[in-house]
Amino acid sequence: QVSVTESGGGLVQPGGSLRLACEGSRMLAIRETMAWYRQAPGKERELVAAIISNGETNYADFAKGRFSISRAKTKAAVYLQMNSLKPEDAAVYYCHVPRIGLWGQGTQVTVSS
């Protein structure tokens, strides 16, 4: 069964950093196009960053300069390094595989002092 599992969320103070991980099952290609989305309470789910199969990356404006998406070399996994976190970054962060419409269950990020 194809699946993705997120990890790495938690509570961090403003200005802090977190690294999220999304690991896919073996049925996903190593260079699969994958993306991170987030959804805060009362808001729509929005794209954070994506990494295309050819290695290109795309970022939402709010993520540029603070977040970095990368992929593993030997397995279907992507990472989201988040720096200089702000309270408005608090949300559930989801991993997404667009090709097959697959979503993970999400990992909660809380930014608070």
C-alpha atoms as a PDB file:
ATOM      1  CA  GLN A   1       0.000   0.000   0.000  1.00  0.00           C
ATOM      2  CA  VAL A   2       1.276   3.430  -0.914  1.00  0.00           C
ATOM      3  CA  SER A   3       1.572   5.853   1.955  1.00  0.00           C
ATOM      4  CA  VAL A   4       3.520   8.774   3.333  1.00  0.00           C
ATOM      5  CA  THR A   5       4.252   9.495   6.972  1.00  0.00           C
ATOM      6  CA  GLU A   6       5.209  12.865   8.388  1.00  0.00           C
ATOM      7  CA  SER A   7       7.277  13.491  11.482  1.00  0.00           C
ATOM      8  CA  GLY A   8       9.231  16.247  13.164  1.00  0.00           C
ATOM      9  CA  GLY A   9       6.507  18.585  14.276  1.00  0.00           C
ATOM     10  CA  GLY A  10       6.329  20.025  17.741  1.00  0.00           C
ATOM     11  CA  LEU A  11       6.405  23.139  19.858  1.00  0.00           C
ATOM     12  CA  VAL A  12       9.029  25.761  19.099  1.00  0.00           C
ATOM     13  CA  GLN A  13       9.552  29.322  20.203  1.00  0.00           C
ATOM     14  CA  PRO A  14       9.329  32.174  17.727  1.00  0.00           C
ATOM     15  CA  GLY A  15      12.575  32.428  15.848  1.00  0.00           C
ATOM     16  CA  GLY A  16      13.282  28.759  16.300  1.00  0.00           C
ATOM     17  CA  SER A  17      13.686  25.964  13.780  1.00  0.00           C
ATOM     18  CA  LEU A  18      12.133  22.627  12.995  1.00  0.00           C
ATOM     19  CA  ARG A  19      12.872  19.970  10.421  1.00  0.00           C
ATOM     20  CA  LEU A  20       9.947  17.993   9.129  1.00  0.00           C
ATOM     21  CA  ALA A  21      10.340  14.660   7.425  1.00  0.00           C
ATOM     22  CA  CYS A  22       8.048  12.822   5.061  1.00  0.00           C
ATOM     23  CA  GLU A  23       8.846   9.222   4.309  1.00  0.00           C
ATOM     24  CA  GLY A  24       7.095   7.354   1.568  1.00  0.00           C
ATOM     25  CA  SER A  25       6.497   3.683   1.218  1.00  0.00           C
ATOM     26  CA  ARG A  26       8.696   1.637  -1.106  1.00  0.00           C
ATOM     27  CA  MET A  27       6.125   1.862  -3.876  1.00  0.00           C
ATOM     28  CA  LEU A  28       6.986   5.510  -4.441  1.00  0.00           C
ATOM     29  CA  ALA A  29       9.788   6.501  -6.758  1.00  0.00           C
ATOM     30  CA  ILE A  30      12.879   8.013  -5.183  1.00  0.00           C
ATOM     31  CA  ARG A  31      12.523  11.119  -7.353  1.00  0.00           C
ATOM     32  CA  GLU A  32       8.789  11.428  -6.946  1.00  0.00           C
ATOM     33  CA  THR A  33       7.419  14.952  -7.062  1.00  0.00           C
ATOM     34  CA  MET A  34       6.382  15.716  -3.507  1.00  0.00           C
ATOM     35  CA  ALA A  35       5.129  18.731  -1.655  1.00  0.00           C
ATOM     36  CA  TRP A  36       4.442  20.169   1.759  1.00  0.00           C
ATOM     37  CA  TYR A  37       1.165  21.878   2.525  1.00  0.00           C
ATOM     38  CA  ARG A  38      -0.121  23.363   5.730  1.00  0.00           C
ATOM     39  CA  GLN A  39      -3.477  24.133   7.225  1.00  0.00           C
ATOM     40  CA  ALA A  40      -4.105  26.403  10.168  1.00  0.00           C
ATOM     41  CA  PRO A  41      -7.395  26.369  12.097  1.00  0.00           C
ATOM     42  CA  GLY A  42     -10.129  28.099  10.138  1.00  0.00           C
ATOM     43  CA  LYS A  43      -7.961  28.481   7.054  1.00  0.00           C
ATOM     44  CA  GLU A  44      -7.649  26.645   3.790  1.00  0.00           C
ATOM     45  CA  ARG A  45      -4.843  24.235   3.138  1.00  0.00           C
ATOM     46  CA  GLU A  46      -2.016  26.001   1.328  1.00  0.00           C
ATOM     47  CA  LEU A  47       1.125  25.015  -0.483  1.00  0.00           C
ATOM     48  CA  VAL A  48       4.355  25.552   1.414  1.00  0.00           C
ATOM     49  CA  ALA A  49       6.958  24.050  -0.893  1.00  0.00           C
ATOM     50  CA  ALA A  50       7.358  21.421  -3.559  1.00  0.00           C
ATOM     51  CA  ILE A  51      10.223  19.504  -5.069  1.00  0.00           C
ATOM     52  CA  ILE A  52       9.804  18.293  -8.599  1.00  0.00           C
ATOM     53  CA  SER A  53      11.140  15.034  -9.977  1.00  0.00           C
ATOM     54  CA  ASN A  54      13.909  16.926 -11.792  1.00  0.00           C
ATOM     55  CA  GLY A  55      15.029  18.572  -8.574  1.00  0.00           C
ATOM     56  CA  GLU A  56      13.449  21.964  -9.091  1.00  0.00           C
ATOM     57  CA  THR A  57      11.862  23.504  -6.037  1.00  0.00           C
ATOM     58  CA  ASN A  58       8.972  25.895  -5.588  1.00  0.00           C
ATOM     59  CA  TYR A  59       8.087  27.900  -2.506  1.00  0.00           C
ATOM     60  CA  ALA A  60       5.175  29.931  -1.320  1.00  0.00           C
ATOM     61  CA  ASP A  61       6.101  33.566  -0.812  1.00  0.00           C
ATOM     62  CA  PHE A  62       5.915  33.226   2.964  1.00  0.00           C
ATOM     63  CA  ALA A  63       8.378  30.330   2.847  1.00  0.00           C
ATOM     64  CA  LYS A  64      11.033  31.916   0.658  1.00  0.00           C
ATOM     65  CA  GLY A  65      14.230  32.603   2.533  1.00  0.00           C
ATOM     66  CA  ARG A  66      13.102  30.753   5.663  1.00  0.00           C
ATOM     67  CA  PHE A  67      12.116  27.256   4.562  1.00  0.00           C
ATOM     68  CA  SER A  68      14.027  24.757   2.498  1.00  0.00           C
ATOM     69  CA  ILE A  69      12.741  21.571   0.917  1.00  0.00           C
ATOM     70  CA  SER A  70      15.056  18.723   0.061  1.00  0.00           C
ATOM     71  CA  ARG A  71      14.855  15.043  -0.746  1.00  0.00           C
ATOM     72  CA  ALA A  72      16.674  11.933   0.277  1.00  0.00           C
ATOM     73  CA  LYS A  73      18.990  10.298  -2.262  1.00  0.00           C
ATOM     74  CA  THR A  74      18.145   6.660  -1.686  1.00  0.00           C
ATOM     75  CA  LYS A  75      14.488   6.589  -0.722  1.00  0.00           C
ATOM     76  CA  ALA A  76      11.248   8.422  -1.361  1.00  0.00           C
ATOM     77  CA  ALA A  77      11.526  10.990   1.384  1.00  0.00           C
ATOM     78  CA  VAL A  78      11.436  14.745   1.545  1.00  0.00           C
ATOM     79  CA  TYR A  79      12.348  17.151   4.276  1.00  0.00           C
ATOM     80  CA  LEU A  80      11.294  20.652   5.166  1.00  0.00           C
ATOM     81  CA  GLN A  81      13.773  22.731   7.105  1.00  0.00           C
ATOM     82  CA  MET A  82      11.947  25.630   8.692  1.00  0.00           C
ATOM     83  CA  ASN A  83      13.923  28.488  10.209  1.00  0.00           C
ATOM     84  CA  SER A  84      12.945  31.780  11.791  1.00  0.00           C
ATOM     85  CA  LEU A  85       9.541  30.401  12.627  1.00  0.00           C
ATOM     86  CA  LYS A  86       6.732  32.807  13.386  1.00  0.00           C
ATOM     87  CA  PRO A  87       3.501  32.294  15.292  1.00  0.00           C
ATOM     88  CA  GLU A  88       1.629  32.465  11.998  1.00  0.00           C
ATOM     89  CA  ASP A  89       3.530  29.391  10.811  1.00  0.00           C
ATOM     90  CA  ALA A  90       1.633  27.297  13.316  1.00  0.00           C
ATOM     91  CA  ALA A  91      -0.426  24.712  11.460  1.00  0.00           C
ATOM     92  CA  VAL A  92      -0.728  21.078  10.628  1.00  0.00           C
ATOM     93  CA  TYR A  93       1.827  20.326   7.942  1.00  0.00           C
ATOM     94  CA  TYR A  94       0.950  17.686   5.379  1.00  0.00           C
ATOM     95  CA  CYS A  95       3.017  15.763   2.895  1.00  0.00           C
ATOM     96  CA  HIS A  96       1.468  15.361  -0.543  1.00  0.00           C
ATOM     97  CA  VAL A  97       2.219  13.266  -3.606  1.00  0.00           C
ATOM     98  CA  PRO A  98       0.423  15.047  -6.456  1.00  0.00           C
ATOM     99  CA  ARG A  99       0.756  12.266  -9.016  1.00  0.00           C
ATOM    100  CA  ILE A 100      -1.529   9.965  -7.060  1.00  0.00           C
ATOM    101  CA  GLY A 101      -3.359  12.434  -4.863  1.00  0.00           C
ATOM    102  CA  LEU A 102      -1.840  10.998  -1.723  1.00  0.00           C
ATOM    103  CA  TRP A 103      -1.833  12.876   1.580  1.00  0.00           C
ATOM    104  CA  GLY A 104      -0.211  12.056   4.857  1.00  0.00           C
ATOM    105  CA  GLN A 105      -1.935  12.426   8.202  1.00  0.00           C
ATOM    106  CA  GLY A 106      -0.027  15.569   9.056  1.00  0.00           C
ATOM    107  CA  THR A 107       2.261  16.751  11.788  1.00  0.00           C
ATOM    108  CA  GLN A 108       1.424  19.619  14.115  1.00  0.00           C
ATOM    109  CA  VAL A 109       3.703  22.628  14.319  1.00  0.00           C
ATOM    110  CA  THR A 110       3.126  25.056  17.164  1.00  0.00           C
ATOM    111  CA  VAL A 111       5.061  28.294  17.421  1.00  0.00           C
ATOM    112  CA  SER A 112       4.638  29.944  20.757  1.00  0.00           C
ATOM    113  CA  SER A 113       6.620  31.437  23.594  1.00  0.00           C
END
